Protein backbone atom coordinates (compact mmCIF):
# COMPACT_ATOMS: atom_id res chain seq x y z
CA UNK A 1 25.10 -26.47 -2.15
CA UNK A 2 23.02 -24.49 0.35
CA UNK A 3 19.93 -22.29 0.16
CA UNK A 4 21.20 -18.72 0.48
CA UNK A 5 17.81 -16.97 0.57
CA UNK A 6 17.73 -16.37 4.32
CA UNK A 7 21.31 -15.04 4.30
CA UNK A 8 20.48 -12.61 1.50
CA UNK A 9 17.27 -11.44 3.19
CA UNK A 10 19.20 -10.70 6.37
CA UNK A 11 21.90 -8.87 4.41
CA UNK A 12 19.30 -6.63 2.75
CA UNK A 13 17.51 -5.55 5.94
CA UNK A 14 19.71 -2.46 6.41
CA UNK A 15 19.98 -0.11 3.41
CA UNK A 16 23.06 1.95 2.64
CA UNK A 17 22.94 5.68 1.92
CA UNK A 18 23.11 4.96 -1.82
CA UNK A 19 20.22 2.50 -1.58
CA UNK A 20 18.13 5.09 0.28
CA UNK A 21 18.72 7.58 -2.54
CA UNK A 22 17.49 5.04 -5.11
CA UNK A 23 14.42 4.19 -3.02
CA UNK A 24 13.61 7.88 -2.63
CA UNK A 25 13.92 8.34 -6.38
CA UNK A 26 11.61 5.39 -7.02
CA UNK A 27 9.07 6.88 -4.60
CA UNK A 28 9.34 10.31 -6.27
CA UNK A 29 8.45 8.68 -9.58
CA UNK A 30 5.34 7.26 -7.94
CA UNK A 31 4.44 10.73 -6.65
CA UNK A 32 4.58 12.10 -10.19
CA UNK A 33 2.48 9.30 -11.65
CA UNK A 34 -0.20 9.75 -8.98
CA UNK A 35 -0.49 13.39 -9.99
CA UNK A 36 -1.07 12.22 -13.57
CA UNK A 37 -3.65 9.68 -12.39
CA UNK A 38 -5.45 12.33 -10.33
CA UNK A 39 -5.72 14.59 -13.38
CA UNK A 40 -6.89 11.76 -15.67
CA UNK A 41 -9.33 10.07 -13.29
CA UNK A 42 -12.84 10.99 -14.39
CA UNK A 43 -16.05 9.28 -15.54
CA UNK A 44 -15.63 7.49 -18.85
CA UNK A 45 -11.97 6.56 -18.38
CA UNK A 46 -11.25 2.84 -18.20
CA UNK A 47 -9.03 1.12 -15.66
CA UNK A 48 -6.73 -0.18 -18.38
CA UNK A 49 -6.30 3.33 -19.79
CA UNK A 50 -5.04 4.52 -16.39
CA UNK A 51 -2.64 1.56 -16.30
CA UNK A 52 -1.33 2.45 -19.76
CA UNK A 53 -0.86 6.09 -18.77
CA UNK A 54 0.99 5.18 -15.57
CA UNK A 55 3.21 2.61 -17.28
CA UNK A 56 4.18 5.05 -20.04
CA UNK A 57 5.05 7.82 -17.57
CA UNK A 58 7.13 5.53 -15.37
CA UNK A 59 9.25 4.35 -18.28
CA UNK A 60 9.65 7.95 -19.41
CA UNK A 61 10.99 8.80 -15.95
CA UNK A 62 13.53 6.00 -16.03
CA UNK A 63 11.83 2.95 -14.53
CA UNK A 64 13.62 -0.27 -15.45
CA UNK A 65 10.62 -2.49 -14.74
CA UNK A 66 6.93 -1.71 -14.27
CA UNK A 67 5.92 -4.95 -12.64
CA UNK A 68 2.27 -4.09 -12.04
CA UNK A 69 -0.17 -1.22 -11.75
CA UNK A 70 -3.15 -2.40 -9.73
CA UNK A 71 -6.23 -0.45 -10.83
CA UNK A 72 -9.49 -1.31 -9.05
CA UNK A 73 -12.70 0.71 -9.14
CA UNK A 74 -16.37 0.71 -8.21
CA UNK A 75 -17.96 -2.58 -7.21
CA UNK A 76 -14.63 -4.35 -7.83
CA UNK A 77 -13.13 -2.75 -4.71
CA UNK A 78 -14.53 -5.28 -2.25
CA UNK A 79 -13.33 -7.98 -2.16
CA UNK A 80 -10.47 -6.48 -4.12
CA UNK A 81 -8.46 -8.34 -6.75
CA UNK A 82 -4.97 -7.38 -7.87
CA UNK A 83 -5.60 -7.04 -11.57
CA UNK A 84 -7.10 -4.34 -13.77
CA UNK A 85 -9.91 -4.67 -16.31
CA UNK A 86 -11.52 -2.57 -19.04
CA UNK A 87 -14.19 -1.38 -16.59
CA UNK A 88 -15.30 2.19 -17.27
CA UNK A 89 -15.14 4.48 -14.24
CA UNK A 90 -18.42 6.13 -13.23
CA UNK A 91 -19.37 9.16 -11.11
CA UNK A 92 -19.19 8.42 -7.39
CA UNK A 93 -16.82 5.46 -7.80
CA UNK A 94 -14.05 4.75 -5.39
CA UNK A 95 -10.84 3.82 -7.19
CA UNK A 96 -7.53 2.64 -5.80
CA UNK A 97 -4.17 1.90 -7.33
CA UNK A 98 -0.85 0.32 -6.41
CA UNK A 99 2.32 1.22 -8.31
CA UNK A 100 4.82 -1.63 -8.26
CA UNK A 101 7.90 -0.67 -10.24
CA UNK A 102 11.65 -0.44 -9.84
CA UNK A 103 14.31 2.20 -10.39
CA UNK A 104 17.79 0.68 -10.79
CA UNK A 105 16.32 -2.43 -9.18
CA UNK A 106 14.75 -0.75 -6.13
CA UNK A 107 11.03 -1.27 -5.71
CA UNK A 108 7.95 0.69 -4.78
CA UNK A 109 4.71 -0.57 -3.27
CA UNK A 110 2.69 2.62 -3.36
CA UNK A 111 -1.09 2.58 -2.80
CA UNK A 112 -3.48 5.50 -3.17
CA UNK A 113 -7.28 5.64 -3.03
CA UNK A 114 -9.42 8.24 -4.82
CA UNK A 115 -13.09 9.19 -4.91
CA UNK A 116 -14.37 10.07 -8.37
CA UNK A 117 -16.60 12.89 -7.24
CA UNK A 118 -17.70 13.40 -3.65
CA UNK A 119 -16.87 10.87 -0.96
CA UNK A 120 -19.72 9.54 1.17
CA UNK A 121 -19.91 9.89 4.95
CA UNK A 122 -19.06 6.19 5.30
CA UNK A 123 -16.00 6.62 3.09
CA UNK A 124 -14.84 9.58 5.16
CA UNK A 125 -15.23 7.49 8.31
CA UNK A 126 -13.25 4.55 6.87
CA UNK A 127 -10.50 6.88 5.66
CA UNK A 128 -10.15 8.54 9.06
CA UNK A 129 -9.81 5.18 10.80
CA UNK A 130 -7.26 3.84 8.30
CA UNK A 131 -5.28 7.08 8.49
CA UNK A 132 -5.31 7.04 12.31
CA UNK A 133 -3.91 3.50 12.38
CA UNK A 134 -1.22 4.47 9.88
CA UNK A 135 -0.25 7.69 11.67
CA UNK A 136 0.02 5.96 15.05
CA UNK A 137 2.31 3.31 13.52
CA UNK A 138 4.48 5.90 11.73
CA UNK A 139 4.88 7.88 14.96
CA UNK A 140 6.55 4.85 16.56
CA UNK A 141 8.93 4.07 13.72
CA UNK A 142 12.30 4.88 15.27
CA UNK A 143 15.51 2.92 15.91
CA UNK A 144 15.22 0.83 19.05
CA UNK A 145 11.43 0.45 18.96
CA UNK A 146 10.06 -3.09 19.09
CA UNK A 147 7.93 -4.22 16.14
CA UNK A 148 5.43 -5.54 18.70
CA UNK A 149 4.54 -1.95 19.65
CA UNK A 150 3.90 -1.03 16.02
CA UNK A 151 1.79 -4.13 15.38
CA UNK A 152 -0.46 -3.17 18.30
CA UNK A 153 -1.38 0.05 16.43
CA UNK A 154 -3.29 -2.06 13.92
CA UNK A 155 -6.82 -3.39 14.56
CA UNK A 156 -7.50 -6.99 15.48
CA UNK A 157 -8.78 -9.14 12.62
CA UNK A 158 -12.43 -9.32 13.82
CA UNK A 159 -12.56 -5.51 13.91
CA UNK A 160 -12.16 -5.42 10.12
CA UNK A 161 -14.35 -8.42 9.35
CA UNK A 162 -11.90 -11.36 9.33
CA UNK A 163 -11.99 -14.49 11.46
CA UNK A 164 -8.23 -14.71 12.07
CA UNK A 165 -5.00 -12.77 11.79
CA UNK A 166 -3.91 -15.14 9.02
CA UNK A 167 -7.02 -14.28 7.01
CA UNK A 168 -6.41 -10.55 7.54
CA UNK A 169 -2.66 -10.72 6.86
CA UNK A 170 -1.46 -8.18 4.31
CA UNK A 171 -4.18 -5.62 4.99
CA UNK A 172 -2.85 -3.85 8.11
CA UNK A 173 0.89 -4.39 8.26
CA UNK A 174 4.35 -3.15 7.27
CA UNK A 175 6.72 -4.87 4.89
CA UNK A 176 10.30 -4.19 3.91
CA UNK A 177 11.16 -2.71 0.53
CA UNK A 178 14.34 -2.88 -1.47
CA UNK A 179 15.49 -5.14 -4.27
CA UNK A 180 12.49 -7.30 -3.38
CA UNK A 181 8.87 -6.23 -3.02
CA UNK A 182 8.43 -7.94 0.34
CA UNK A 183 11.59 -7.91 2.41
CA UNK A 184 12.26 -7.79 6.13
CA UNK A 185 11.02 -6.54 8.48
CA UNK A 186 7.44 -7.80 8.26
CA UNK A 187 5.36 -6.17 10.99
CA UNK A 188 1.93 -7.65 11.64
CA UNK A 189 -0.29 -8.84 14.46
CA UNK A 190 0.18 -12.31 12.93
CA UNK A 191 3.90 -12.55 13.70
CA UNK A 192 5.21 -9.52 15.59
CA UNK A 193 3.33 -10.00 18.87
CA UNK A 194 4.99 -13.39 19.39
CA UNK A 195 8.29 -12.78 17.59
CA UNK A 196 9.15 -9.07 17.91
CA UNK A 197 12.34 -7.55 16.58
CA UNK A 198 14.01 -4.19 17.18
CA UNK A 199 13.98 -1.53 14.48
CA UNK A 200 17.36 -0.30 13.26
CA UNK A 201 18.47 2.77 11.32
CA UNK A 202 18.50 2.04 7.60
CA UNK A 203 15.42 -0.19 7.52
CA UNK A 204 12.90 0.78 4.82
CA UNK A 205 9.37 -0.50 4.66
CA UNK A 206 5.88 0.28 3.46
CA UNK A 207 3.08 0.92 5.97
CA UNK A 208 -0.31 -0.32 4.75
CA UNK A 209 -3.69 0.03 6.43
CA UNK A 210 -7.18 -1.07 5.46
CA UNK A 211 -10.59 -0.23 6.86
CA UNK A 212 -13.78 -1.74 5.43
CA UNK A 213 -16.57 0.58 4.41
CA UNK A 214 -19.60 0.33 6.64
CA UNK A 215 -22.97 1.58 5.40
CA UNK A 216 -24.23 4.61 7.27
CA UNK A 217 -27.99 4.59 7.76
CA UNK A 218 -29.70 7.82 6.76
CA UNK A 219 -33.22 9.01 7.58
CA UNK A 220 -35.53 8.74 4.61
CA UNK A 221 -36.83 12.07 3.32
CA UNK A 222 -40.60 12.49 3.53
């Protein structure tokens, strides 16, 4: 008897053409559900109602397992949990979601953040930074590129308020997707700077970035 986990993880790093089709279909289902969430997200709606809506739509579209819909809003956003509540959404809230479901066994890890009403200047600033980190990483994602180069696109842990890369792990990184939610490659400042690997055609992974909101001081009206 031997532990076959590492062998299976290595075997699943490169996806076949058929697997890519299934992953694209799973992602398309997430696109559709986010349109539904956008249309339903308004003051007075509860987090659990959004979860129910998303779960229903995913099963209607052919999902074989809706593992989780993270729904976090308002003051619950920081520090963020990974579970929803019956909190009622209010004007000006920030709300973010993660759709974790599978289509014929192939998973999604699909985050989106919304502002219920107008976004503040500080929120705009945080979004621009997170998007810049993501775009710079995506621009490098090509066969033959070292994961070390991609990891360097992400901020150091102290820049986002954490004392170490271990504490910040999972906030600015990439992780493989397939039959498992977290497969190889894992690209992070925690591991990729010391143990880089080369990207290959057929790898599929999620790119996730996080930027904390910093309060912008405003002059008081007189």
